[in-house]
C-alpha atoms as a PDB file:
ATOM      1  CA  UNK A   1     -37.251 -10.275  19.450  1.00  0.00           C
ATOM      2  CA  UNK A   2     -34.294  -8.753  17.605  1.00  0.00           C
ATOM      3  CA  UNK A   3     -34.673  -5.706  15.417  1.00  0.00           C
ATOM      4  CA  UNK A   4     -33.138  -5.907  11.984  1.00  0.00           C
ATOM      5  CA  UNK A   5     -30.595  -3.183  11.334  1.00  0.00           C
ATOM      6  CA  UNK A   6     -31.655  -0.774   8.594  1.00  0.00           C
ATOM      7  CA  UNK A   7     -28.085   0.303   7.826  1.00  0.00           C
ATOM      8  CA  UNK A   8     -27.418  -0.176   4.144  1.00  0.00           C
ATOM      9  CA  UNK A   9     -24.316   0.522   2.125  1.00  0.00           C
ATOM     10  CA  UNK A  10     -24.776   2.578  -1.020  1.00  0.00           C
ATOM     11  CA  UNK A  11     -22.135   2.455  -3.739  1.00  0.00           C
ATOM     12  CA  UNK A  12     -22.102   4.701  -6.759  1.00  0.00           C
ATOM     13  CA  UNK A  13     -19.929   3.534  -9.656  1.00  0.00           C
ATOM     14  CA  UNK A  14     -19.011   5.743 -12.619  1.00  0.00           C
ATOM     15  CA  UNK A  15     -17.074   5.097 -15.815  1.00  0.00           C
ATOM     16  CA  UNK A  16     -16.647   6.348 -19.371  1.00  0.00           C
ATOM     17  CA  UNK A  17     -16.729   2.741 -20.649  1.00  0.00           C
ATOM     18  CA  UNK A  18     -19.956   0.849 -19.983  1.00  0.00           C
ATOM     19  CA  UNK A  19     -18.380  -2.593 -20.442  1.00  0.00           C
ATOM     20  CA  UNK A  20     -15.818  -2.063 -17.698  1.00  0.00           C
ATOM     21  CA  UNK A  21     -18.568  -0.639 -15.484  1.00  0.00           C
ATOM     22  CA  UNK A  22     -20.692  -3.772 -15.906  1.00  0.00           C
ATOM     23  CA  UNK A  23     -17.737  -6.027 -15.124  1.00  0.00           C
ATOM     24  CA  UNK A  24     -16.941  -3.953 -12.017  1.00  0.00           C
ATOM     25  CA  UNK A  25     -20.556  -4.255 -10.828  1.00  0.00           C
ATOM     26  CA  UNK A  26     -20.434  -7.999 -11.431  1.00  0.00           C
ATOM     27  CA  UNK A  27     -17.254  -8.308  -9.327  1.00  0.00           C
ATOM     28  CA  UNK A  28     -18.831  -6.454  -6.402  1.00  0.00           C
ATOM     29  CA  UNK A  29     -22.060  -8.481  -6.558  1.00  0.00           C
ATOM     30  CA  UNK A  30     -20.078 -11.751  -6.595  1.00  0.00           C
ATOM     31  CA  UNK A  31     -18.067 -10.548  -3.599  1.00  0.00           C
ATOM     32  CA  UNK A  32     -21.211  -9.620  -1.650  1.00  0.00           C
ATOM     33  CA  UNK A  33     -22.823 -13.003  -2.366  1.00  0.00           C
ATOM     34  CA  UNK A  34     -19.958 -14.751  -0.542  1.00  0.00           C
ATOM     35  CA  UNK A  35     -20.802 -12.925   2.718  1.00  0.00           C
ATOM     36  CA  UNK A  36     -23.629 -14.664   4.604  1.00  0.00           C
ATOM     37  CA  UNK A  37     -26.900 -12.811   5.288  1.00  0.00           C
ATOM     38  CA  UNK A  38     -26.271 -10.107   2.706  1.00  0.00           C
ATOM     39  CA  UNK A  39     -28.059  -9.064  -0.449  1.00  0.00           C
ATOM     40  CA  UNK A  40     -27.379  -6.531  -3.182  1.00  0.00           C
ATOM     41  CA  UNK A  41     -29.188  -4.837  -6.027  1.00  0.00           C
ATOM     42  CA  UNK A  42     -27.870  -2.911  -9.024  1.00  0.00           C
ATOM     43  CA  UNK A  43     -29.722   0.113 -10.410  1.00  0.00           C
ATOM     44  CA  UNK A  44     -28.775   1.775 -13.692  1.00  0.00           C
ATOM     45  CA  UNK A  45     -28.703   5.550 -13.370  1.00  0.00           C
ATOM     46  CA  UNK A  46     -29.119   7.960 -16.310  1.00  0.00           C
ATOM     47  CA  UNK A  47     -26.068   8.493 -18.506  1.00  0.00           C
ATOM     48  CA  UNK A  48     -24.643  12.005 -18.531  1.00  0.00           C
ATOM     49  CA  UNK A  49     -23.783  13.160 -22.025  1.00  0.00           C
ATOM     50  CA  UNK A  50     -21.613  16.243 -22.515  1.00  0.00           C
ATOM     51  CA  UNK A  51     -21.298  17.589 -26.089  1.00  0.00           C
ATOM     52  CA  UNK A  52     -18.522  19.945 -27.203  1.00  0.00           C
ATOM     53  CA  UNK A  53     -18.737  21.977 -30.409  1.00  0.00           C
ATOM     54  CA  UNK A  54     -15.434  22.928 -32.096  1.00  0.00           C
ATOM     55  CA  UNK A  55     -14.923  25.143 -35.152  1.00  0.00           C
ATOM     56  CA  UNK A  56     -12.947  23.323 -37.841  1.00  0.00           C
ATOM     57  CA  UNK A  57     -11.557  26.481 -39.386  1.00  0.00           C
ATOM     58  CA  UNK A  58     -11.818  29.498 -37.093  1.00  0.00           C
ATOM     59  CA  UNK A  59     -11.089  32.140 -39.760  1.00  0.00           C
ATOM     60  CA  UNK A  60     -12.902  31.160 -42.971  1.00  0.00           C
ATOM     61  CA  UNK A  61     -15.894  28.860 -42.489  1.00  0.00           C
ATOM     62  CA  UNK A  62     -17.890  29.594 -39.349  1.00  0.00           C
ATOM     63  CA  UNK A  63     -20.527  27.040 -40.390  1.00  0.00           C
ATOM     64  CA  UNK A  64     -18.101  24.123 -40.478  1.00  0.00           C
ATOM     65  CA  UNK A  65     -18.097  22.566 -37.001  1.00  0.00           C
ATOM     66  CA  UNK A  66     -17.260  19.269 -35.327  1.00  0.00           C
ATOM     67  CA  UNK A  67     -19.099  17.803 -32.350  1.00  0.00           C
ATOM     68  CA  UNK A  68     -17.481  15.611 -29.699  1.00  0.00           C
ATOM     69  CA  UNK A  69     -19.226  13.957 -26.783  1.00  0.00           C
ATOM     70  CA  UNK A  70     -18.264  12.371 -23.499  1.00  0.00           C
ATOM     71  CA  UNK A  71     -20.632   9.902 -21.862  1.00  0.00           C
ATOM     72  CA  UNK A  72     -20.469   9.152 -18.133  1.00  0.00           C
ATOM     73  CA  UNK A  73     -22.199   5.842 -17.354  1.00  0.00           C
ATOM     74  CA  UNK A  74     -23.365   5.376 -13.760  1.00  0.00           C
ATOM     75  CA  UNK A  75     -24.660   2.512 -11.624  1.00  0.00           C
ATOM     76  CA  UNK A  76     -25.885   2.446  -8.032  1.00  0.00           C
ATOM     77  CA  UNK A  77     -25.495  -0.592  -5.800  1.00  0.00           C
ATOM     78  CA  UNK A  78     -27.380  -1.056  -2.583  1.00  0.00           C
ATOM     79  CA  UNK A  79     -25.917  -3.648  -0.238  1.00  0.00           C
ATOM     80  CA  UNK A  80     -27.832  -4.880   2.798  1.00  0.00           C
ATOM     81  CA  UNK A  81     -25.257  -6.748   4.902  1.00  0.00           C
ATOM     82  CA  UNK A  82     -25.803  -8.320   8.270  1.00  0.00           C
ATOM     83  CA  UNK A  83     -24.736  -6.074  11.114  1.00  0.00           C
ATOM     84  CA  UNK A  84     -21.629  -8.170  11.831  1.00  0.00           C
ATOM     85  CA  UNK A  85     -20.617  -8.399   8.169  1.00  0.00           C
ATOM     86  CA  UNK A  86     -20.840  -4.690   7.325  1.00  0.00           C
ATOM     87  CA  UNK A  87     -17.263  -3.921   8.320  1.00  0.00           C
ATOM     88  CA  UNK A  88     -15.841  -6.887   6.440  1.00  0.00           C
ATOM     89  CA  UNK A  89     -17.823  -6.017   3.289  1.00  0.00           C
ATOM     90  CA  UNK A  90     -16.438  -2.465   3.339  1.00  0.00           C
ATOM     91  CA  UNK A  91     -12.882  -3.750   3.738  1.00  0.00           C
ATOM     92  CA  UNK A  92     -13.280  -6.297   0.948  1.00  0.00           C
ATOM     93  CA  UNK A  93     -14.768  -3.733  -1.460  1.00  0.00           C
ATOM     94  CA  UNK A  94     -11.968  -1.253  -0.799  1.00  0.00           C
ATOM     95  CA  UNK A  95      -9.376  -4.014  -1.430  1.00  0.00           C
ATOM     96  CA  UNK A  96     -11.105  -5.183  -4.624  1.00  0.00           C
ATOM     97  CA  UNK A  97      -9.227  -4.602  -7.877  1.00  0.00           C
ATOM     98  CA  UNK A  98     -11.822  -2.995 -10.190  1.00  0.00           C
ATOM     99  CA  UNK A  99     -11.204  -2.518 -13.938  1.00  0.00           C
ATOM    100  CA  UNK A 100      -9.328   0.577 -15.069  1.00  0.00           C
ATOM    101  CA  UNK A 101     -11.457   3.693 -15.344  1.00  0.00           C
ATOM    102  CA  UNK A 102     -14.146   2.635 -12.850  1.00  0.00           C
ATOM    103  CA  UNK A 103     -14.585   5.085  -9.990  1.00  0.00           C
ATOM    104  CA  UNK A 104     -16.656   4.366  -6.901  1.00  0.00           C
ATOM    105  CA  UNK A 105     -17.943   6.155  -3.809  1.00  0.00           C
ATOM    106  CA  UNK A 106     -19.266   4.475  -0.682  1.00  0.00           C
ATOM    107  CA  UNK A 107     -22.120   6.063   1.257  1.00  0.00           C
ATOM    108  CA  UNK A 108     -22.950   4.566   4.644  1.00  0.00           C
END
């Protein structure tokens, strides 16, 4: 009886634009579905929100301020490839052309 390998690939995708992040996740899931004996799941991680407060007029009105924010959207993908297909999946993901502004890290 063969033991199933428990090695899974974990990808973490990050982007400032949630639409490009969703399209990047969709591209990776479609790529993984072409490899036999593999499955994937997408998990939405909490969005990091960083707020900056800037004085409009530094000398006269200290109460007049503007607020700016940057949101970092994140997704986690877990890919369970067959043992033979793990290397090919890694190569295909690294060669994939993701949308601009989408960053990814691969954890083995």
